[in-house]
PDB file of N, CA and C in Angstrom:
ATOM      1  N   MET A   1     -71.870  11.433 -81.943  1.00  0.00           N
ATOM      2  CA  MET A   1     -72.053  13.072 -82.073  1.00  0.00           C
ATOM      3  C   MET A   1     -73.677  13.290 -82.166  1.00  0.00           C
ATOM      4  N   LYS A   2     -73.701  14.367 -81.352  1.00  0.00           N
ATOM      5  CA  LYS A   2     -75.023  15.051 -81.123  1.00  0.00           C
ATOM      6  C   LYS A   2     -75.131  16.084 -82.361  1.00  0.00           C
ATOM      7  N   GLY A   3     -76.572  16.376 -82.761  1.00  0.00           N
ATOM      8  CA  GLY A   3     -76.801  17.268 -83.628  1.00  0.00           C
ATOM      9  C   GLY A   3     -77.489  16.757 -84.693  1.00  0.00           C
ATOM     10  N   LYS A   4     -77.515  17.768 -85.902  1.00  0.00           N
ATOM     11  CA  LYS A   4     -78.237  17.508 -87.228  1.00  0.00           C
ATOM     12  C   LYS A   4     -77.968  16.138 -87.802  1.00  0.00           C
ATOM     13  N   PHE A   5     -76.638  15.774 -87.719  1.00  0.00           N
ATOM     14  CA  PHE A   5     -76.061  14.667 -88.654  1.00  0.00           C
ATOM     15  C   PHE A   5     -76.076  13.449 -87.776  1.00  0.00           C
ATOM     16  N   GLU A   6     -76.553  13.501 -86.554  1.00  0.00           N
ATOM     17  CA  GLU A   6     -76.222  12.269 -85.460  1.00  0.00           C
ATOM     18  C   GLU A   6     -76.640  11.082 -86.187  1.00  0.00           C
ATOM     19  N   ASN A   7     -77.560  10.764 -86.999  1.00  0.00           N
ATOM     20  CA  ASN A   7     -78.216   9.554 -87.288  1.00  0.00           C
ATOM     21  C   ASN A   7     -77.958   9.590 -88.806  1.00  0.00           C
ATOM     22  N   PHE A   8     -77.092  10.239 -89.430  1.00  0.00           N
ATOM     23  CA  PHE A   8     -76.872  10.145 -90.781  1.00  0.00           C
ATOM     24  C   PHE A   8     -75.786   8.907 -91.040  1.00  0.00           C
ATOM     25  N   THR A   9     -75.919   8.277 -92.262  1.00  0.00           N
ATOM     26  CA  THR A   9     -74.848   7.231 -92.633  1.00  0.00           C
ATOM     27  C   THR A   9     -73.968   8.010 -93.635  1.00  0.00           C
ATOM     28  N   ALA A  10     -72.867   7.310 -93.924  1.00  0.00           N
ATOM     29  CA  ALA A  10     -71.834   7.794 -94.756  1.00  0.00           C
ATOM     30  C   ALA A  10     -72.481   8.180 -96.113  1.00  0.00           C
ATOM     31  N   ASN A  11     -73.159   7.509 -96.592  1.00  0.00           N
ATOM     32  CA  ASN A  11     -73.850   7.826 -97.847  1.00  0.00           C
ATOM     33  C   ASN A  11     -74.789   8.957 -97.871  1.00  0.00           C
ATOM     34  N   GLU A  12     -75.610   8.979 -96.735  1.00  0.00           N
ATOM     35  CA  GLU A  12     -76.512  10.215 -96.697  1.00  0.00           C
ATOM     36  C   GLU A  12     -75.683  11.598 -96.355  1.00  0.00           C
ATOM     37  N   ILE A  13     -74.637  11.417 -95.672  1.00  0.00           N
ATOM     38  CA  ILE A  13     -73.743  12.732 -95.479  1.00  0.00           C
ATOM     39  C   ILE A  13     -73.050  13.061 -96.967  1.00  0.00           C
ATOM     40  N   ILE A  14     -72.652  12.128 -97.461  1.00  0.00           N
ATOM     41  CA  ILE A  14     -72.267  12.313 -98.865  1.00  0.00           C
ATOM     42  C   ILE A  14     -73.336  12.911 -99.903  1.00  0.00           C
ATOM     43  N   ASP A  15     -74.379  12.448 -99.874  1.00  0.00           N
ATOM     44  CA  ASP A  15     -75.418  13.094-100.573  1.00  0.00           C
ATOM     45  C   ASP A  15     -75.943  14.366-100.223  1.00  0.00           C
ATOM     46  N   TYR A  16     -75.748  14.755 -98.974  1.00  0.00           N
ATOM     47  CA  TYR A  16     -76.187  16.081 -98.363  1.00  0.00           C
ATOM     48  C   TYR A  16     -75.069  16.937 -99.026  1.00  0.00           C
ATOM     49  N   ILE A  17     -73.867  16.491 -98.862  1.00  0.00           N
ATOM     50  CA  ILE A  17     -72.655  17.423 -99.418  1.00  0.00           C
ATOM     51  C   ILE A  17     -72.807  17.604-100.773  1.00  0.00           C
ATOM     52  N   LYS A  18     -73.063  16.581-101.707  1.00  0.00           N
ATOM     53  CA  LYS A  18     -73.135  16.531-103.134  1.00  0.00           C
ATOM     54  C   LYS A  18     -74.317  17.625-103.668  1.00  0.00           C
ATOM     55  N   GLN A  19     -75.266  17.738-102.808  1.00  0.00           N
ATOM     56  CA  GLN A  19     -76.542  18.487-103.026  1.00  0.00           C
ATOM     57  C   GLN A  19     -76.492  19.977-102.671  1.00  0.00           C
ATOM     58  N   ASN A  20     -75.297  20.217-101.986  1.00  0.00           N
ATOM     59  CA  ASN A  20     -74.964  21.576-101.549  1.00  0.00           C
ATOM     60  C   ASN A  20     -76.090  22.006-100.562  1.00  0.00           C
ATOM     61  N   LYS A  21     -76.384  21.171 -99.589  1.00  0.00           N
ATOM     62  CA  LYS A  21     -77.548  21.513 -98.766  1.00  0.00           C
ATOM     63  C   LYS A  21     -77.045  22.306 -97.598  1.00  0.00           C
ATOM     64  N   ALA A  22     -75.658  22.418 -97.105  1.00  0.00           N
ATOM     65  CA  ALA A  22     -75.221  22.951 -96.160  1.00  0.00           C
ATOM     66  C   ALA A  22     -75.691  24.472 -96.200  1.00  0.00           C
ATOM     67  N   GLU A  23     -76.379  24.908 -95.025  1.00  0.00           N
ATOM     68  CA  GLU A  23     -76.940  26.236 -95.135  1.00  0.00           C
ATOM     69  C   GLU A  23     -76.114  27.463 -94.444  1.00  0.00           C
ATOM     70  N   ASN A  24     -75.066  27.191 -93.923  1.00  0.00           N
ATOM     71  CA  ASN A  24     -74.191  28.094 -93.464  1.00  0.00           C
ATOM     72  C   ASN A  24     -72.786  27.392 -92.825  1.00  0.00           C
ATOM     73  N   ASP A  25     -72.073  28.333 -92.652  1.00  0.00           N
ATOM     74  CA  ASP A  25     -70.478  27.977 -92.164  1.00  0.00           C
ATOM     75  C   ASP A  25     -70.635  26.964 -91.098  1.00  0.00           C
ATOM     76  N   ASP A  26     -71.462  27.283 -90.129  1.00  0.00           N
ATOM     77  CA  ASP A  26     -71.460  26.292 -88.966  1.00  0.00           C
ATOM     78  C   ASP A  26     -72.027  24.976 -89.459  1.00  0.00           C
ATOM     79  N   GLU A  27     -72.668  24.913 -90.178  1.00  0.00           N
ATOM     80  CA  GLU A  27     -73.191  23.664 -90.856  1.00  0.00           C
ATOM     81  C   GLU A  27     -71.889  22.855 -91.420  1.00  0.00           C
ATOM     82  N   TRP A  28     -71.011  23.589 -92.183  1.00  0.00           N
ATOM     83  CA  TRP A  28     -70.049  22.822 -92.723  1.00  0.00           C
ATOM     84  C   TRP A  28     -69.123  22.345 -91.640  1.00  0.00           C
ATOM     85  N   LEU A  29     -68.789  23.200 -90.728  1.00  0.00           N
ATOM     86  CA  LEU A  29     -67.974  22.690 -89.659  1.00  0.00           C
ATOM     87  C   LEU A  29     -68.510  21.438 -88.731  1.00  0.00           C
ATOM     88  N   GLU A  30     -69.848  21.408 -88.810  1.00  0.00           N
ATOM     89  CA  GLU A  30     -70.457  20.176 -87.919  1.00  0.00           C
ATOM     90  C   GLU A  30     -70.321  18.936 -89.042  1.00  0.00           C
ATOM     91  N   ILE A  31     -70.389  19.263 -90.200  1.00  0.00           N
ATOM     92  CA  ILE A  31     -70.233  18.058 -91.151  1.00  0.00           C
ATOM     93  C   ILE A  31     -68.717  17.541 -91.002  1.00  0.00           C
ATOM     94  N   GLU A  32     -67.890  18.453 -90.928  1.00  0.00           N
ATOM     95  CA  GLU A  32     -66.381  18.277 -90.899  1.00  0.00           C
ATOM     96  C   GLU A  32     -66.194  17.297 -89.574  1.00  0.00           C
ATOM     97  N   GLN A  33     -66.987  17.632 -88.500  1.00  0.00           N
ATOM     98  CA  GLN A  33     -66.825  17.027 -87.129  1.00  0.00           C
ATOM     99  C   GLN A  33     -67.246  15.591 -87.277  1.00  0.00           C
ATOM    100  N   TRP A  34     -68.544  15.501 -88.027  1.00  0.00           N
ATOM    101  CA  TRP A  34     -69.072  14.237 -88.318  1.00  0.00           C
ATOM    102  C   TRP A  34     -68.233  13.137 -89.130  1.00  0.00           C
ATOM    103  N   ILE A  35     -67.532  13.672 -90.052  1.00  0.00           N
ATOM    104  CA  ILE A  35     -66.611  12.733 -90.720  1.00  0.00           C
ATOM    105  C   ILE A  35     -65.506  12.446 -89.939  1.00  0.00           C
ATOM    106  N   ASN A  36     -64.889  13.257 -89.078  1.00  0.00           N
ATOM    107  CA  ASN A  36     -63.900  13.041 -88.158  1.00  0.00           C
ATOM    108  C   ASN A  36     -64.285  11.901 -86.984  1.00  0.00           C
ATOM    109  N   GLU A  37     -65.267  12.128 -86.571  1.00  0.00           N
ATOM    110  CA  GLU A  37     -65.892  11.155 -85.681  1.00  0.00           C
ATOM    111  C   GLU A  37     -66.032   9.831 -86.236  1.00  0.00           C
ATOM    112  N   PHE A  38     -66.683   9.974 -87.584  1.00  0.00           N
ATOM    113  CA  PHE A  38     -66.944   8.609 -88.216  1.00  0.00           C
ATOM    114  C   PHE A  38     -65.606   7.727 -88.581  1.00  0.00           C
ATOM    115  N   LEU A  39     -64.683   8.578 -88.902  1.00  0.00           N
ATOM    116  CA  LEU A  39     -63.395   7.871 -89.193  1.00  0.00           C
ATOM    117  C   LEU A  39     -62.667   7.329 -87.922  1.00  0.00           C
ATOM    118  N   LYS A  40     -62.877   7.954 -86.730  1.00  0.00           N
ATOM    119  CA  LYS A  40     -62.518   7.438 -85.330  1.00  0.00           C
ATOM    120  C   LYS A  40     -63.113   6.352 -85.236  1.00  0.00           C
ATOM    121  N   SER A  41     -64.395   5.923 -85.325  1.00  0.00           N
ATOM    122  CA  SER A  41     -65.174   4.787 -85.226  1.00  0.00           C
ATOM    123  C   SER A  41     -64.734   3.524 -85.911  1.00  0.00           C
ATOM    124  N   ASN A  42     -63.813   3.462 -86.619  1.00  0.00           N
ATOM    125  CA  ASN A  42     -63.404   2.222 -87.245  1.00  0.00           C
ATOM    126  C   ASN A  42     -64.492   1.695 -88.318  1.00  0.00           C
ATOM    127  N   PRO A  43     -64.578   2.422 -89.393  1.00  0.00           N
ATOM    128  CA  PRO A  43     -65.637   1.946 -90.429  1.00  0.00           C
ATOM    129  C   PRO A  43     -65.108   0.975 -91.138  1.00  0.00           C
ATOM    130  N   SER A  44     -66.063   0.281 -91.914  1.00  0.00           N
ATOM    131  CA  SER A  44     -65.497  -0.712 -92.995  1.00  0.00           C
ATOM    132  C   SER A  44     -64.597   0.215 -94.011  1.00  0.00           C
ATOM    133  N   GLU A  45     -63.708  -0.636 -94.713  1.00  0.00           N
ATOM    134  CA  GLU A  45     -62.897  -0.239 -95.505  1.00  0.00           C
ATOM    135  C   GLU A  45     -63.616   0.507 -96.791  1.00  0.00           C
ATOM    136  N   LYS A  46     -64.815  -0.204 -97.072  1.00  0.00           N
ATOM    137  CA  LYS A  46     -65.690   0.346 -98.283  1.00  0.00           C
ATOM    138  C   LYS A  46     -66.076   1.618 -97.742  1.00  0.00           C
ATOM    139  N   ASP A  47     -66.570   1.920 -96.663  1.00  0.00           N
ATOM    140  CA  ASP A  47     -67.064   3.353 -96.200  1.00  0.00           C
ATOM    141  C   ASP A  47     -66.060   4.236 -95.868  1.00  0.00           C
ATOM    142  N   LYS A  48     -64.891   3.682 -95.522  1.00  0.00           N
ATOM    143  CA  LYS A  48     -63.695   4.619 -95.259  1.00  0.00           C
ATOM    144  C   LYS A  48     -63.124   5.235 -96.526  1.00  0.00           C
ATOM    145  N   LYS A  49     -63.250   4.562 -97.522  1.00  0.00           N
ATOM    146  CA  LYS A  49     -62.732   4.965 -98.777  1.00  0.00           C
ATOM    147  C   LYS A  49     -63.607   6.072 -99.404  1.00  0.00           C
ATOM    148  N   LEU A  50     -64.772   6.131 -99.008  1.00  0.00           N
ATOM    149  CA  LEU A  50     -65.686   7.201 -99.635  1.00  0.00           C
ATOM    150  C   LEU A  50     -65.169   8.669 -99.131  1.00  0.00           C
ATOM    151  N   PHE A  51     -64.281   8.550 -98.067  1.00  0.00           N
ATOM    152  CA  PHE A  51     -63.819   9.789 -97.263  1.00  0.00           C
ATOM    153  C   PHE A  51     -62.260  10.037 -97.444  1.00  0.00           C
ATOM    154  N   VAL A  52     -61.500   9.009 -97.271  1.00  0.00           N
ATOM    155  CA  VAL A  52     -60.104   9.088 -97.300  1.00  0.00           C
ATOM    156  C   VAL A  52     -59.423   7.935 -98.245  1.00  0.00           C
ATOM    157  N   PRO A  53     -58.344   8.037 -98.659  1.00  0.00           N
ATOM    158  CA  PRO A  53     -57.611   9.241 -99.181  1.00  0.00           C
ATOM    159  C   PRO A  53     -58.330   9.925-100.310  1.00  0.00           C
ATOM    160  N   LEU A  54     -58.057  11.002-100.408  1.00  0.00           N
ATOM    161  CA  LEU A  54     -58.515  11.972-101.527  1.00  0.00           C
ATOM    162  C   LEU A  54     -60.164  11.796-101.919  1.00  0.00           C
ATOM    163  N   GLY A  55     -60.922  11.725-100.705  1.00  0.00           N
ATOM    164  CA  GLY A  55     -62.290  11.544-100.769  1.00  0.00           C
ATOM    165  C   GLY A  55     -62.965  12.897-100.213  1.00  0.00           C
ATOM    166  N   TRP A  56     -64.042  12.501-100.031  1.00  0.00           N
ATOM    167  CA  TRP A  56     -64.895  13.726 -99.410  1.00  0.00           C
ATOM    168  C   TRP A  56     -64.593  14.431 -98.032  1.00  0.00           C
ATOM    169  N   ALA A  57     -63.709  13.705 -97.267  1.00  0.00           N
ATOM    170  CA  ALA A  57     -63.030  14.531 -96.199  1.00  0.00           C
ATOM    171  C   ALA A  57     -62.231  15.614 -96.629  1.00  0.00           C
ATOM    172  N   GLU A  58     -61.384  15.245 -97.618  1.00  0.00           N
ATOM    173  CA  GLU A  58     -60.681  16.414 -98.169  1.00  0.00           C
ATOM    174  C   GLU A  58     -61.353  17.574 -98.435  1.00  0.00           C
ATOM    175  N   SER A  59     -62.388  17.518 -99.357  1.00  0.00           N
ATOM    176  CA  SER A  59     -63.189  18.599 -99.955  1.00  0.00           C
ATOM    177  C   SER A  59     -63.767  19.301 -98.896  1.00  0.00           C
ATOM    178  N   VAL A  60     -64.248  18.571 -97.772  1.00  0.00           N
ATOM    179  CA  VAL A  60     -64.889  19.253 -96.545  1.00  0.00           C
ATOM    180  C   VAL A  60     -63.721  20.039 -95.761  1.00  0.00           C
ATOM    181  N   CYS A  61     -62.797  19.319 -95.661  1.00  0.00           N
ATOM    182  CA  CYS A  61     -61.634  19.931 -94.946  1.00  0.00           C
ATOM    183  C   CYS A  61     -61.205  21.367 -95.322  1.00  0.00           C
ATOM    184  N   MET A  62     -61.086  21.329 -96.714  1.00  0.00           N
ATOM    185  CA  MET A  62     -60.615  22.493 -97.543  1.00  0.00           C
ATOM    186  C   MET A  62     -61.780  23.615 -97.310  1.00  0.00           C
ATOM    187  N   ILE A  63     -63.016  23.267 -97.439  1.00  0.00           N
ATOM    188  CA  ILE A  63     -64.053  24.313 -97.246  1.00  0.00           C
ATOM    189  C   ILE A  63     -63.946  24.787 -95.669  1.00  0.00           C
ATOM    190  N   CYS A  64     -63.799  23.836 -94.840  1.00  0.00           N
ATOM    191  CA  CYS A  64     -63.611  24.362 -93.294  1.00  0.00           C
ATOM    192  C   CYS A  64     -62.537  25.306 -93.134  1.00  0.00           C
ATOM    193  N   ASP A  65     -61.226  24.738 -93.629  1.00  0.00           N
ATOM    194  CA  ASP A  65     -60.226  25.622 -93.737  1.00  0.00           C
ATOM    195  C   ASP A  65     -60.451  27.069 -94.179  1.00  0.00           C
ATOM    196  N   GLY A  66     -61.069  27.256 -95.265  1.00  0.00           N
ATOM    197  CA  GLY A  66     -61.507  28.500 -95.659  1.00  0.00           C
ATOM    198  C   GLY A  66     -62.444  29.253 -94.763  1.00  0.00           C
ATOM    199  N   ILE A  67     -63.346  28.557 -94.167  1.00  0.00           N
ATOM    200  CA  ILE A  67     -64.158  29.179 -93.243  1.00  0.00           C
ATOM    201  C   ILE A  67     -63.446  29.665 -91.853  1.00  0.00           C
ATOM    202  N   ARG A  68     -62.448  28.790 -91.465  1.00  0.00           N
ATOM    203  CA  ARG A  68     -61.644  29.354 -90.280  1.00  0.00           C
ATOM    204  C   ARG A  68     -60.748  30.396 -90.715  1.00  0.00           C
ATOM    205  N   ARG A  69     -60.237  30.442 -91.936  1.00  0.00           N
ATOM    206  CA  ARG A  69     -59.386  31.489 -92.239  1.00  0.00           C
ATOM    207  C   ARG A  69     -60.236  32.826 -92.320  1.00  0.00           C
ATOM    208  N   TRP A  70     -61.506  32.772 -92.946  1.00  0.00           N
ATOM    209  CA  TRP A  70     -62.191  33.962 -92.963  1.00  0.00           C
ATOM    210  C   TRP A  70     -62.455  34.394 -91.582  1.00  0.00           C
ATOM    211  N   ARG A  71     -62.894  33.679 -90.572  1.00  0.00           N
ATOM    212  CA  ARG A  71     -63.233  34.015 -89.254  1.00  0.00           C
ATOM    213  C   ARG A  71     -62.067  34.640 -88.625  1.00  0.00           C
ATOM    214  N   LYS A  72     -60.900  34.315 -88.996  1.00  0.00           N
ATOM    215  CA  LYS A  72     -59.713  34.859 -88.250  1.00  0.00           C
ATOM    216  C   LYS A  72     -59.028  35.981 -88.893  1.00  0.00           C
ATOM    217  N   SER A  73     -59.637  36.200 -90.112  1.00  0.00           N
ATOM    218  CA  SER A  73     -59.214  37.458 -90.945  1.00  0.00           C
ATOM    219  C   SER A  73     -59.696  38.882 -90.308  1.00  0.00           C
ATOM    220  N   ILE A  74     -59.014  39.726 -90.598  1.00  0.00           N
ATOM    221  CA  ILE A  74     -59.268  41.061 -90.096  1.00  0.00           C
ATOM    222  C   ILE A  74     -60.635  41.612 -90.750  1.00  0.00           C
ATOM    223  N   CYS A  75     -60.990  41.087 -91.735  1.00  0.00           N
ATOM    224  CA  CYS A  75     -62.258  41.625 -92.548  1.00  0.00           C
ATOM    225  C   CYS A  75     -63.450  41.101 -91.770  1.00  0.00           C
ATOM    226  N   PHE A  76     -63.384  39.836 -91.196  1.00  0.00           N
ATOM    227  CA  PHE A  76     -64.506  39.381 -90.543  1.00  0.00           C
ATOM    228  C   PHE A  76     -64.769  40.175 -89.213  1.00  0.00           C
ATOM    229  N   LYS A  77     -63.781  40.923 -88.914  1.00  0.00           N
ATOM    230  CA  LYS A  77     -63.922  41.541 -87.380  1.00  0.00           C
ATOM    231  C   LYS A  77     -64.085  43.154 -87.690  1.00  0.00           C
ATOM    232  N   CYS A  78     -64.234  43.374 -88.838  1.00  0.00           N
ATOM    233  CA  CYS A  78     -64.403  44.889 -89.323  1.00  0.00           C
ATOM    234  C   CYS A  78     -65.879  45.377 -89.510  1.00  0.00           C
ATOM    235  N   LYS A  79     -66.124  46.556 -89.037  1.00  0.00           N
ATOM    236  CA  LYS A  79     -67.325  47.232 -89.119  1.00  0.00           C
ATOM    237  C   LYS A  79     -67.896  47.496 -90.610  1.00  0.00           C
ATOM    238  N   ARG A  80     -66.703  47.347 -91.606  1.00  0.00           N
ATOM    239  CA  ARG A  80     -66.976  47.692 -92.733  1.00  0.00           C
ATOM    240  C   ARG A  80     -67.565  46.521 -93.564  1.00  0.00           C
ATOM    241  N   LYS A  81     -67.450  45.465 -93.054  1.00  0.00           N
ATOM    242  CA  LYS A  81     -68.050  44.141 -93.703  1.00  0.00           C
ATOM    243  C   LYS A  81     -69.390  44.386 -94.208  1.00  0.00           C
ATOM    244  N   SER A  82     -69.677  44.114 -95.341  1.00  0.00           N
ATOM    245  CA  SER A  82     -71.004  44.225 -95.969  1.00  0.00           C
ATOM    246  C   SER A  82     -71.987  43.329 -95.166  1.00  0.00           C
ATOM    247  N   LYS A  83     -73.098  43.860 -94.889  1.00  0.00           N
ATOM    248  CA  LYS A  83     -74.249  43.104 -94.260  1.00  0.00           C
ATOM    249  C   LYS A  83     -75.057  42.487 -95.253  1.00  0.00           C
ATOM    250  N   ASN A  84     -74.996  42.880 -96.527  1.00  0.00           N
ATOM    251  CA  ASN A  84     -75.821  42.340 -97.692  1.00  0.00           C
ATOM    252  C   ASN A  84     -75.219  41.128 -98.300  1.00  0.00           C
ATOM    253  N   LYS A  85     -73.711  41.106 -98.617  1.00  0.00           N
ATOM    254  CA  LYS A  85     -72.999  40.203 -99.475  1.00  0.00           C
ATOM    255  C   LYS A  85     -71.886  39.590 -98.735  1.00  0.00           C
ATOM    256  N   LYS A  86     -72.018  38.088 -98.497  1.00  0.00           N
ATOM    257  CA  LYS A  86     -70.843  37.525 -97.767  1.00  0.00           C
ATOM    258  C   LYS A  86     -69.604  37.920 -98.499  1.00  0.00           C
ATOM    259  N   GLY A  87     -68.522  38.167 -97.568  1.00  0.00           N
ATOM    260  CA  GLY A  87     -67.229  38.311 -98.093  1.00  0.00           C
ATOM    261  C   GLY A  87     -66.952  39.620 -98.755  1.00  0.00           C
ATOM    262  N   CYS A  88     -67.971  40.665 -98.556  1.00  0.00           N
ATOM    263  CA  CYS A  88     -67.675  41.771 -99.491  1.00  0.00           C
ATOM    264  C   CYS A  88     -67.407  42.784 -98.311  1.00  0.00           C
ATOM    265  N   CYS A  89     -66.793  44.021 -98.758  1.00  0.00           N
ATOM    266  CA  CYS A  89     -66.521  45.094 -97.973  1.00  0.00           C
ATOM    267  C   CYS A  89     -67.086  46.285 -98.739  1.00  0.00           C
ATOM    268  N   GLU A  90     -67.632  47.173 -97.595  1.00  0.00           N
ATOM    269  CA  GLU A  90     -68.334  48.469 -98.333  1.00  0.00           C
ATOM    270  C   GLU A  90     -67.276  49.204 -99.037  1.00  0.00           C
ATOM    271  N   ILE A  91     -66.011  49.224 -98.777  1.00  0.00           N
ATOM    272  CA  ILE A  91     -65.134  50.036 -99.375  1.00  0.00           C
ATOM    273  C   ILE A  91     -64.465  49.652-100.753  1.00  0.00           C
ATOM    274  N   TYR A  92     -64.201  48.210-100.691  1.00  0.00           N
ATOM    275  CA  TYR A  92     -63.664  47.644-102.065  1.00  0.00           C
ATOM    276  C   TYR A  92     -64.881  47.161-102.945  1.00  0.00           C
ATOM    277  N   PRO A  93     -65.028  47.520-104.162  1.00  0.00           N
ATOM    278  CA  PRO A  93     -66.021  47.297-105.132  1.00  0.00           C
ATOM    279  C   PRO A  93     -66.015  45.641-105.465  1.00  0.00           C
ATOM    280  N   GLN A  94     -67.170  45.281-105.698  1.00  0.00           N
ATOM    281  CA  GLN A  94     -67.302  43.866-106.014  1.00  0.00           C
ATOM    282  C   GLN A  94     -66.777  43.386-107.590  1.00  0.00           C
ATOM    283  N   ASN A  95     -66.414  42.372-107.722  1.00  0.00           N
ATOM    284  CA  ASN A  95     -66.012  41.942-108.989  1.00  0.00           C
ATOM    285  C   ASN A  95     -67.232  42.009-109.917  1.00  0.00           C
ATOM    286  N   LYS A  96     -66.855  41.949-111.161  1.00  0.00           N
ATOM    287  CA  LYS A  96     -67.976  41.945-112.069  1.00  0.00           C
ATOM    288  C   LYS A  96     -68.824  40.660-112.092  1.00  0.00           C
ATOM    289  N   ASP A  97     -68.251  39.620-111.677  1.00  0.00           N
ATOM    290  CA  ASP A  97     -69.074  38.355-111.445  1.00  0.00           C
ATOM    291  C   ASP A  97     -69.796  38.078-110.002  1.00  0.00           C
ATOM    292  N   MET A  98     -69.672  39.347-109.358  1.00  0.00           N
ATOM    293  CA  MET A  98     -70.284  39.536-108.072  1.00  0.00           C
ATOM    294  C   MET A  98     -69.932  38.473-106.982  1.00  0.00           C
ATOM    295  N   THR A  99     -68.374  38.094-107.021  1.00  0.00           N
ATOM    296  CA  THR A  99     -68.239  37.142-105.973  1.00  0.00           C
ATOM    297  C   THR A  99     -67.299  37.738-104.783  1.00  0.00           C
ATOM    298  N   GLY A 100     -67.622  38.954-104.343  1.00  0.00           N
ATOM    299  CA  GLY A 100     -66.861  39.670-103.399  1.00  0.00           C
ATOM    300  C   GLY A 100     -65.658  40.564-103.888  1.00  0.00           C
ATOM    301  N   GLY A 101     -65.507  41.536-103.033  1.00  0.00           N
ATOM    302  CA  GLY A 101     -64.513  42.433-103.626  1.00  0.00           C
ATOM    303  C   GLY A 101     -63.538  42.608-102.626  1.00  0.00           C
ATOM    304  N   ILE A 102     -63.328  41.901-101.642  1.00  0.00           N
ATOM    305  CA  ILE A 102     -62.019  42.217-100.729  1.00  0.00           C
ATOM    306  C   ILE A 102     -60.857  41.372-101.348  1.00  0.00           C
ATOM    307  N   PRO A 103     -59.798  42.147-101.514  1.00  0.00           N
ATOM    308  CA  PRO A 103     -58.593  41.934-102.186  1.00  0.00           C
ATOM    309  C   PRO A 103     -58.003  40.767-101.465  1.00  0.00           C
ATOM    310  N   THR A 104     -57.459  39.699-102.129  1.00  0.00           N
ATOM    311  CA  THR A 104     -56.784  38.677-101.650  1.00  0.00           C
ATOM    312  C   THR A 104     -55.718  38.874-100.538  1.00  0.00           C
ATOM    313  N   GLU A 105     -54.982  39.903-100.878  1.00  0.00           N
ATOM    314  CA  GLU A 105     -53.829  40.239 -99.771  1.00  0.00           C
ATOM    315  C   GLU A 105     -54.498  40.731 -98.603  1.00  0.00           C
ATOM    316  N   VAL A 106     -55.530  41.031 -98.515  1.00  0.00           N
ATOM    317  CA  VAL A 106     -56.227  41.397 -97.148  1.00  0.00           C
ATOM    318  C   VAL A 106     -56.833  40.220 -96.328  1.00  0.00           C
ATOM    319  N   TRP A 107     -57.603  39.292 -97.034  1.00  0.00           N
ATOM    320  CA  TRP A 107     -58.361  38.308 -96.494  1.00  0.00           C
ATOM    321  C   TRP A 107     -57.684  36.984 -96.314  1.00  0.00           C
ATOM    322  N   THR A 108     -56.695  36.703 -97.126  1.00  0.00           N
ATOM    323  CA  THR A 108     -56.151  35.282 -97.140  1.00  0.00           C
ATOM    324  C   THR A 108     -54.775  35.360 -95.977  1.00  0.00           C
ATOM    325  N   VAL A 109     -54.281  36.248 -95.823  1.00  0.00           N
ATOM    326  CA  VAL A 109     -53.116  36.421 -94.653  1.00  0.00           C
ATOM    327  C   VAL A 109     -53.584  36.664 -93.450  1.00  0.00           C
ATOM    328  N   GLU A 110     -53.218  35.984 -92.592  1.00  0.00           N
ATOM    329  CA  GLU A 110     -53.543  36.096 -90.945  1.00  0.00           C
ATOM    330  C   GLU A 110     -52.751  37.462 -90.717  1.00  0.00           C
ATOM    331  N   ASN A 111     -53.216  38.107 -89.748  1.00  0.00           N
ATOM    332  CA  ASN A 111     -52.687  39.527 -89.256  1.00  0.00           C
ATOM    333  C   ASN A 111     -52.528  40.392 -90.426  1.00  0.00           C
ATOM    334  N   SER A 112     -53.278  40.335 -91.369  1.00  0.00           N
ATOM    335  CA  SER A 112     -53.124  41.303 -92.503  1.00  0.00           C
ATOM    336  C   SER A 112     -53.403  42.672 -91.872  1.00  0.00           C
ATOM    337  N   GLU A 113     -53.011  43.727 -92.835  1.00  0.00           N
ATOM    338  CA  GLU A 113     -53.406  45.028 -92.384  1.00  0.00           C
ATOM    339  C   GLU A 113     -54.275  45.501 -93.471  1.00  0.00           C
ATOM    340  N   CYS A 114     -55.292  46.328 -93.221  1.00  0.00           N
ATOM    341  CA  CYS A 114     -56.128  47.159 -94.101  1.00  0.00           C
ATOM    342  C   CYS A 114     -56.251  48.350 -93.755  1.00  0.00           C
ATOM    343  N   ARG A 115     -55.980  49.644 -94.727  1.00  0.00           N
ATOM    344  CA  ARG A 115     -56.025  50.904 -94.096  1.00  0.00           C
ATOM    345  C   ARG A 115     -57.448  51.416 -93.828  1.00  0.00           C
ATOM    346  N   TYR A 116     -58.532  50.431 -94.172  1.00  0.00           N
ATOM    347  CA  TYR A 116     -59.816  51.045 -94.024  1.00  0.00           C
ATOM    348  C   TYR A 116     -60.323  50.145 -92.878  1.00  0.00           C
ATOM    349  N   PHE A 117     -59.741  49.255 -91.989  1.00  0.00           N
ATOM    350  CA  PHE A 117     -60.076  48.732 -90.977  1.00  0.00           C
ATOM    351  C   PHE A 117     -60.644  49.452 -89.962  1.00  0.00           C
ATOM    352  N   GLU A 118     -61.812  49.054 -89.441  1.00  0.00           N
ATOM    353  CA  GLU A 118     -62.670  49.694 -88.213  1.00  0.00           C
ATOM    354  C   GLU A 118     -63.036  48.612 -87.265  1.00  0.00           C
ATOM    355  N   ALA A 119     -62.725  48.226 -86.112  1.00  0.00           N
ATOM    356  CA  ALA A 119     -63.050  47.462 -85.285  1.00  0.00           C
ATOM    357  C   ALA A 119     -64.451  47.387 -84.961  1.00  0.00           C
ATOM    358  N   LYS A 120     -65.129  46.313 -84.689  1.00  0.00           N
ATOM    359  CA  LYS A 120     -66.524  46.165 -84.357  1.00  0.00           C
ATOM    360  C   LYS A 120     -66.739  46.698 -82.991  1.00  0.00           C
TER     361      LYS A 120
END
């Protein structure tokens, strides 16, 4: 695999994940790709157990699933998406804990509809 993680070992990629060093969504997708290719390379059982079953591969896959859902969501394709706060809309107010204000019924369901939607 070419890219930022090309020469990483299994332990180095895990340390990178643990330290929350992923800078953006594309980097998470690259980490997922690294893990998939690593597992296809027939690693030792010791190294394989770091990722599957119920290891780091599952955590990364869950994060990447969320990224893919967000990118497919109607909100990602809307002009009203906040440029300052990730996952926020200029129409819906933010939660008091500042974690984004788009209602679950809008962003978690594919092909969801929002009465405020404006295509980019």
